[in-house]
Amino acid sequence: ALPCPAPGCARSFPSPRALLAHRHGAHSAALPYHCPLPGCPRAFRWRSSLITHKRAHVRAGAASPAELFPDRESARRRARGGEGGGGGGVGDGGESGGGSDGVERGWGVGGEMGGIERV
């Protein structure tokens, strides 16, 4: 087990990665992930917390997924054959946009680009 080197912290961890995550979360005041929505002052320690926060903006109608998740949206357009993409592949078959009424549903955290994905 790897003990935390921070003064007064008695925790220990099974791997260097777990120790690093602990130090980043428990012993750092840095908030490196800032909300990109103009006028929103929120910042977060964890990227996953920012993603959850951005999803709340989308649900509230303050922004579209394309505004807050531009990398994910451009990947979707490429998968559908737009923006120089070849079409075909994983994004086809209804997974690239939503229901037949055009409404996005089932957003989840994760995906290969670290943004949002349909679940």
N, C-alpha and C. Protein backbone atom coordinates (compact mmCIF):
# COMPACT_ATOMS: atom_id res chain seq x y z
N ALA A 1 0.85 -1.19 0.00
CA ALA A 1 0.00 0.00 0.00
C ALA A 1 0.89 1.25 0.00
N LEU A 2 0.41 2.26 -0.68
CA LEU A 2 1.14 3.53 -0.78
C LEU A 2 0.51 4.56 0.13
N PRO A 3 1.24 5.05 1.13
CA PRO A 3 0.67 6.05 2.02
C PRO A 3 0.65 7.43 1.37
N CYS A 4 -0.33 8.22 1.74
CA CYS A 4 -0.39 9.60 1.26
C CYS A 4 0.69 10.40 1.98
N PRO A 5 1.52 11.15 1.23
CA PRO A 5 2.60 11.91 1.87
C PRO A 5 2.16 13.25 2.47
N ALA A 6 0.90 13.61 2.32
CA ALA A 6 0.44 14.90 2.86
C ALA A 6 0.47 14.87 4.39
N PRO A 7 0.93 15.95 4.99
CA PRO A 7 0.98 16.00 6.46
C PRO A 7 -0.41 15.81 7.07
N GLY A 8 -0.50 14.92 8.03
CA GLY A 8 -1.75 14.68 8.74
C GLY A 8 -2.70 13.73 8.04
N CYS A 9 -2.36 13.26 6.86
CA CYS A 9 -3.24 12.34 6.14
C CYS A 9 -2.78 10.91 6.38
N ALA A 10 -3.64 10.07 6.91
CA ALA A 10 -3.27 8.70 7.26
C ALA A 10 -3.75 7.69 6.22
N ARG A 11 -4.25 8.14 5.08
CA ARG A 11 -4.79 7.22 4.08
C ARG A 11 -3.66 6.56 3.29
N SER A 12 -3.95 5.36 2.82
CA SER A 12 -3.01 4.66 1.95
C SER A 12 -3.80 4.05 0.79
N PHE A 13 -3.09 3.76 -0.31
CA PHE A 13 -3.75 3.38 -1.55
C PHE A 13 -3.06 2.20 -2.20
N PRO A 14 -3.82 1.39 -2.95
CA PRO A 14 -3.26 0.18 -3.54
C PRO A 14 -2.43 0.42 -4.81
N SER A 15 -2.57 1.62 -5.41
CA SER A 15 -1.84 1.87 -6.65
C SER A 15 -1.42 3.33 -6.73
N PRO A 16 -0.40 3.62 -7.53
CA PRO A 16 0.01 5.02 -7.71
C PRO A 16 -1.11 5.88 -8.29
N ARG A 17 -1.91 5.29 -9.19
CA ARG A 17 -3.02 6.05 -9.79
C ARG A 17 -4.05 6.45 -8.72
N ALA A 18 -4.37 5.53 -7.83
CA ALA A 18 -5.33 5.83 -6.76
C ALA A 18 -4.78 6.91 -5.83
N LEU A 19 -3.50 6.85 -5.53
CA LEU A 19 -2.87 7.86 -4.70
C LEU A 19 -2.91 9.22 -5.38
N LEU A 20 -2.60 9.26 -6.65
CA LEU A 20 -2.63 10.52 -7.40
C LEU A 20 -4.04 11.11 -7.43
N ALA A 21 -5.04 10.27 -7.66
CA ALA A 21 -6.42 10.75 -7.66
C ALA A 21 -6.80 11.32 -6.30
N HIS A 22 -6.38 10.67 -5.24
CA HIS A 22 -6.65 11.15 -3.88
C HIS A 22 -5.98 12.51 -3.65
N ARG A 23 -4.72 12.62 -4.01
CA ARG A 23 -4.00 13.87 -3.79
C ARG A 23 -4.63 15.01 -4.59
N HIS A 24 -5.04 14.71 -5.82
CA HIS A 24 -5.66 15.72 -6.66
C HIS A 24 -6.99 16.17 -6.06
N GLY A 25 -7.77 15.22 -5.56
CA GLY A 25 -9.09 15.54 -5.04
C GLY A 25 -9.11 16.07 -3.62
N ALA A 26 -8.30 15.50 -2.76
CA ALA A 26 -8.37 15.85 -1.34
C ALA A 26 -7.39 16.94 -0.92
N HIS A 27 -6.30 17.08 -1.63
CA HIS A 27 -5.25 18.00 -1.16
C HIS A 27 -4.93 19.12 -2.15
N SER A 28 -5.79 19.35 -3.11
CA SER A 28 -5.55 20.41 -4.08
C SER A 28 -6.72 21.37 -4.09
N ALA A 29 -6.42 22.65 -4.12
CA ALA A 29 -7.47 23.66 -4.19
C ALA A 29 -7.74 24.08 -5.63
N ALA A 30 -6.97 23.53 -6.57
CA ALA A 30 -7.10 23.91 -7.97
C ALA A 30 -8.45 23.47 -8.53
N LEU A 31 -9.04 24.34 -9.35
CA LEU A 31 -10.28 24.04 -10.05
C LEU A 31 -10.02 24.27 -11.54
N PRO A 32 -9.40 23.28 -12.20
CA PRO A 32 -8.95 23.49 -13.57
C PRO A 32 -10.04 23.40 -14.64
N TYR A 33 -11.23 22.92 -14.32
CA TYR A 33 -12.27 22.72 -15.32
C TYR A 33 -13.35 23.79 -15.18
N HIS A 34 -13.37 24.73 -16.11
CA HIS A 34 -14.29 25.87 -16.06
C HIS A 34 -15.43 25.69 -17.04
N CYS A 35 -16.62 26.12 -16.64
CA CYS A 35 -17.78 26.04 -17.51
C CYS A 35 -17.59 27.01 -18.68
N PRO A 36 -17.77 26.52 -19.92
CA PRO A 36 -17.56 27.38 -21.09
C PRO A 36 -18.75 28.27 -21.43
N LEU A 37 -19.87 28.12 -20.73
CA LEU A 37 -21.05 28.93 -21.04
C LEU A 37 -20.81 30.36 -20.58
N PRO A 38 -20.92 31.33 -21.49
CA PRO A 38 -20.69 32.74 -21.10
C PRO A 38 -21.60 33.13 -19.94
N GLY A 39 -21.01 33.75 -18.96
CA GLY A 39 -21.75 34.20 -17.79
C GLY A 39 -21.82 33.20 -16.65
N CYS A 40 -21.42 31.96 -16.89
CA CYS A 40 -21.44 30.96 -15.82
C CYS A 40 -20.08 30.95 -15.13
N PRO A 41 -20.04 31.22 -13.84
CA PRO A 41 -18.76 31.31 -13.13
C PRO A 41 -18.25 29.99 -12.56
N ARG A 42 -18.96 28.89 -12.75
CA ARG A 42 -18.61 27.64 -12.09
C ARG A 42 -17.32 27.03 -12.61
N ALA A 43 -16.56 26.44 -11.69
CA ALA A 43 -15.33 25.71 -12.01
C ALA A 43 -15.30 24.47 -11.12
N PHE A 44 -14.61 23.44 -11.60
CA PHE A 44 -14.65 22.15 -10.92
C PHE A 44 -13.28 21.51 -10.83
N ARG A 45 -13.13 20.69 -9.81
CA ARG A 45 -11.89 19.95 -9.60
C ARG A 45 -11.81 18.76 -10.55
N TRP A 46 -12.94 18.15 -10.86
CA TRP A 46 -13.00 16.95 -11.67
C TRP A 46 -13.69 17.22 -12.99
N ARG A 47 -13.16 16.66 -14.06
CA ARG A 47 -13.75 16.80 -15.39
C ARG A 47 -15.16 16.22 -15.43
N SER A 48 -15.37 15.12 -14.74
CA SER A 48 -16.69 14.49 -14.71
C SER A 48 -17.73 15.42 -14.08
N SER A 49 -17.31 16.21 -13.09
CA SER A 49 -18.24 17.17 -12.47
C SER A 49 -18.61 18.27 -13.46
N LEU A 50 -17.65 18.73 -14.26
CA LEU A 50 -17.94 19.73 -15.28
C LEU A 50 -18.92 19.17 -16.31
N ILE A 51 -18.73 17.92 -16.73
CA ILE A 51 -19.63 17.31 -17.71
C ILE A 51 -21.05 17.24 -17.16
N THR A 52 -21.19 16.84 -15.90
CA THR A 52 -22.51 16.80 -15.26
C THR A 52 -23.13 18.19 -15.23
N HIS A 53 -22.33 19.19 -14.90
CA HIS A 53 -22.80 20.58 -14.85
C HIS A 53 -23.25 21.05 -16.23
N LYS A 54 -22.47 20.76 -17.27
CA LYS A 54 -22.84 21.17 -18.62
C LYS A 54 -24.13 20.49 -19.06
N ARG A 55 -24.32 19.25 -18.68
CA ARG A 55 -25.57 18.55 -19.00
C ARG A 55 -26.76 19.26 -18.36
N ALA A 56 -26.57 19.81 -17.16
CA ALA A 56 -27.65 20.55 -16.50
C ALA A 56 -28.01 21.80 -17.31
N HIS A 57 -27.02 22.48 -17.87
CA HIS A 57 -27.30 23.63 -18.74
C HIS A 57 -28.13 23.20 -19.95
N VAL A 58 -27.78 22.06 -20.54
CA VAL A 58 -28.50 21.57 -21.71
C VAL A 58 -29.94 21.24 -21.33
N ARG A 59 -30.14 20.53 -20.20
CA ARG A 59 -31.50 20.18 -19.76
C ARG A 59 -32.33 21.42 -19.47
N ALA A 60 -31.70 22.47 -18.93
CA ALA A 60 -32.42 23.70 -18.60
C ALA A 60 -32.70 24.56 -19.82
N GLY A 61 -32.12 24.19 -20.96
CA GLY A 61 -32.34 24.95 -22.19
C GLY A 61 -31.44 26.17 -22.32
N ALA A 62 -30.43 26.28 -21.46
CA ALA A 62 -29.52 27.43 -21.51
C ALA A 62 -28.51 27.30 -22.64
N ALA A 63 -28.31 26.10 -23.14
CA ALA A 63 -27.34 25.86 -24.21
C ALA A 63 -27.70 24.55 -24.91
N SER A 64 -27.22 24.41 -26.12
CA SER A 64 -27.43 23.16 -26.85
C SER A 64 -26.22 22.25 -26.63
N PRO A 65 -26.37 20.95 -26.88
CA PRO A 65 -25.21 20.06 -26.77
C PRO A 65 -24.07 20.50 -27.69
N ALA A 66 -24.40 21.02 -28.86
CA ALA A 66 -23.36 21.45 -29.80
C ALA A 66 -22.54 22.61 -29.23
N GLU A 67 -23.16 23.47 -28.44
CA GLU A 67 -22.44 24.60 -27.84
C GLU A 67 -21.50 24.16 -26.73
N LEU A 68 -21.96 23.25 -25.90
CA LEU A 68 -21.17 22.86 -24.72
C LEU A 68 -20.29 21.64 -24.94
N PHE A 69 -20.57 20.86 -25.99
CA PHE A 69 -19.79 19.68 -26.29
C PHE A 69 -19.40 19.70 -27.76
N PRO A 70 -18.64 20.71 -28.20
CA PRO A 70 -18.35 20.85 -29.63
C PRO A 70 -17.57 19.69 -30.22
N ASP A 71 -16.65 19.11 -29.50
CA ASP A 71 -15.88 17.98 -30.03
C ASP A 71 -16.77 16.78 -30.28
N ARG A 72 -17.68 16.53 -29.36
CA ARG A 72 -18.58 15.39 -29.49
C ARG A 72 -19.54 15.61 -30.66
N GLU A 73 -20.04 16.82 -30.80
CA GLU A 73 -20.97 17.12 -31.89
C GLU A 73 -20.28 17.02 -33.25
N SER A 74 -19.05 17.49 -33.37
CA SER A 74 -18.37 17.40 -34.67
C SER A 74 -18.07 15.94 -35.00
N ALA A 75 -17.82 15.11 -34.00
CA ALA A 75 -17.61 13.68 -34.25
C ALA A 75 -18.90 13.05 -34.75
N ARG A 76 -20.03 13.47 -34.21
CA ARG A 76 -21.32 12.95 -34.67
C ARG A 76 -21.57 13.33 -36.12
N ARG A 77 -21.28 14.57 -36.47
CA ARG A 77 -21.49 15.00 -37.85
C ARG A 77 -20.60 14.21 -38.80
N ARG A 78 -19.37 13.96 -38.41
CA ARG A 78 -18.48 13.15 -39.25
C ARG A 78 -19.02 11.74 -39.40
N ALA A 79 -19.55 11.18 -38.32
CA ALA A 79 -20.09 9.82 -38.37
C ALA A 79 -21.31 9.75 -39.29
N ARG A 80 -22.06 10.84 -39.38
CA ARG A 80 -23.24 10.88 -40.25
C ARG A 80 -22.88 11.21 -41.69
N GLY A 81 -21.60 11.52 -41.95
CA GLY A 81 -21.18 11.81 -43.31
C GLY A 81 -20.94 13.28 -43.58
N GLY A 82 -21.11 14.14 -42.62
CA GLY A 82 -20.85 15.57 -42.80
C GLY A 82 -19.43 15.91 -42.41
N GLU A 83 -18.99 17.12 -42.69
CA GLU A 83 -17.66 17.63 -42.32
C GLU A 83 -16.54 16.71 -42.79
N GLY A 84 -16.62 16.22 -43.99
CA GLY A 84 -15.52 15.43 -44.53
C GLY A 84 -15.48 14.00 -44.07
N GLY A 85 -16.46 13.58 -43.27
CA GLY A 85 -16.47 12.19 -42.82
C GLY A 85 -17.03 11.29 -43.89
N GLY A 86 -16.78 10.02 -43.79
CA GLY A 86 -17.22 9.09 -44.79
C GLY A 86 -18.57 8.47 -44.53
N GLY A 87 -19.17 8.74 -43.40
CA GLY A 87 -20.45 8.12 -43.08
C GLY A 87 -20.25 6.65 -42.76
N GLY A 88 -21.35 5.98 -42.48
CA GLY A 88 -21.27 4.56 -42.15
C GLY A 88 -20.64 4.35 -40.79
N GLY A 89 -20.66 3.15 -40.32
CA GLY A 89 -20.00 2.83 -39.07
C GLY A 89 -20.90 2.96 -37.87
N VAL A 90 -20.28 3.19 -36.73
CA VAL A 90 -20.96 3.13 -35.45
C VAL A 90 -22.06 4.16 -35.30
N GLY A 91 -21.89 5.36 -35.83
CA GLY A 91 -22.87 6.42 -35.60
C GLY A 91 -24.16 6.24 -36.34
N ASP A 92 -24.28 5.33 -37.29
CA ASP A 92 -25.51 5.17 -38.05
C ASP A 92 -26.51 4.32 -37.28
N GLY A 93 -27.71 4.24 -37.83
CA GLY A 93 -28.71 3.38 -37.22
C GLY A 93 -29.44 4.04 -36.08
N GLY A 94 -29.54 5.37 -36.07
CA GLY A 94 -30.33 6.05 -35.07
C GLY A 94 -29.57 6.42 -33.82
N GLU A 95 -28.32 6.07 -33.68
CA GLU A 95 -27.60 6.40 -32.46
C GLU A 95 -26.96 7.77 -32.53
N SER A 96 -27.08 8.46 -33.64
CA SER A 96 -26.32 9.68 -33.79
C SER A 96 -27.11 10.94 -33.55
N GLY A 97 -28.38 10.86 -33.17
CA GLY A 97 -29.06 12.12 -33.02
C GLY A 97 -30.24 12.15 -32.11
N GLY A 98 -30.96 11.12 -31.95
CA GLY A 98 -32.11 11.16 -31.09
C GLY A 98 -33.26 10.41 -31.69
N GLY A 99 -34.46 10.67 -31.18
CA GLY A 99 -35.65 9.98 -31.64
C GLY A 99 -36.11 10.50 -32.98
N SER A 100 -37.19 9.93 -33.48
CA SER A 100 -37.70 10.33 -34.78
C SER A 100 -38.22 11.77 -34.77
N ASP A 101 -38.48 12.30 -33.57
CA ASP A 101 -38.94 13.69 -33.48
C ASP A 101 -37.78 14.67 -33.39
N GLY A 102 -36.52 14.17 -33.44
CA GLY A 102 -35.35 15.03 -33.43
C GLY A 102 -34.90 15.46 -32.04
N VAL A 103 -35.56 14.99 -31.00
CA VAL A 103 -35.22 15.39 -29.63
C VAL A 103 -34.14 14.46 -29.10
N GLU A 104 -33.06 15.06 -28.56
CA GLU A 104 -31.98 14.25 -27.98
C GLU A 104 -32.46 13.64 -26.67
N ARG A 105 -32.14 12.37 -26.48
CA ARG A 105 -32.53 11.68 -25.26
C ARG A 105 -31.40 10.77 -24.80
N GLY A 106 -31.41 10.43 -23.51
CA GLY A 106 -30.51 9.41 -22.99
C GLY A 106 -29.06 9.82 -22.89
N TRP A 107 -28.79 11.06 -22.51
CA TRP A 107 -27.39 11.48 -22.41
C TRP A 107 -26.73 10.83 -21.22
N GLY A 108 -25.46 10.42 -21.39
CA GLY A 108 -24.67 9.82 -20.31
C GLY A 108 -23.24 10.33 -20.37
N VAL A 109 -22.51 10.14 -19.29
CA VAL A 109 -21.13 10.59 -19.23
C VAL A 109 -20.23 9.50 -19.79
N GLY A 110 -19.15 9.91 -20.44
CA GLY A 110 -18.18 8.94 -20.91
C GLY A 110 -17.93 9.09 -22.38
N GLY A 111 -17.68 8.01 -23.04
CA GLY A 111 -17.42 8.03 -24.47
C GLY A 111 -15.94 8.20 -24.74
N GLU A 112 -15.53 7.84 -25.93
CA GLU A 112 -14.12 7.87 -26.23
C GLU A 112 -13.55 9.26 -26.25
N MET A 113 -14.40 10.28 -26.43
CA MET A 113 -13.91 11.65 -26.44
C MET A 113 -14.08 12.31 -25.08
N GLY A 114 -14.61 11.56 -24.11
CA GLY A 114 -14.75 12.07 -22.76
C GLY A 114 -15.89 13.04 -22.63
N GLY A 115 -16.72 13.19 -23.61
CA GLY A 115 -17.84 14.10 -23.56
C GLY A 115 -19.08 13.39 -23.12
N ILE A 116 -20.13 13.55 -23.89
CA ILE A 116 -21.36 12.87 -23.57
C ILE A 116 -21.63 11.84 -24.64
N GLU A 117 -22.36 10.84 -24.29
CA GLU A 117 -22.70 9.82 -25.27
C GLU A 117 -24.11 9.35 -24.98
N ARG A 118 -24.72 8.75 -25.97
CA ARG A 118 -26.07 8.20 -25.77
C ARG A 118 -25.95 6.88 -25.03
N VAL A 119 -26.83 6.69 -24.07
CA VAL A 119 -26.82 5.44 -23.29
C VAL A 119 -28.15 4.75 -23.41
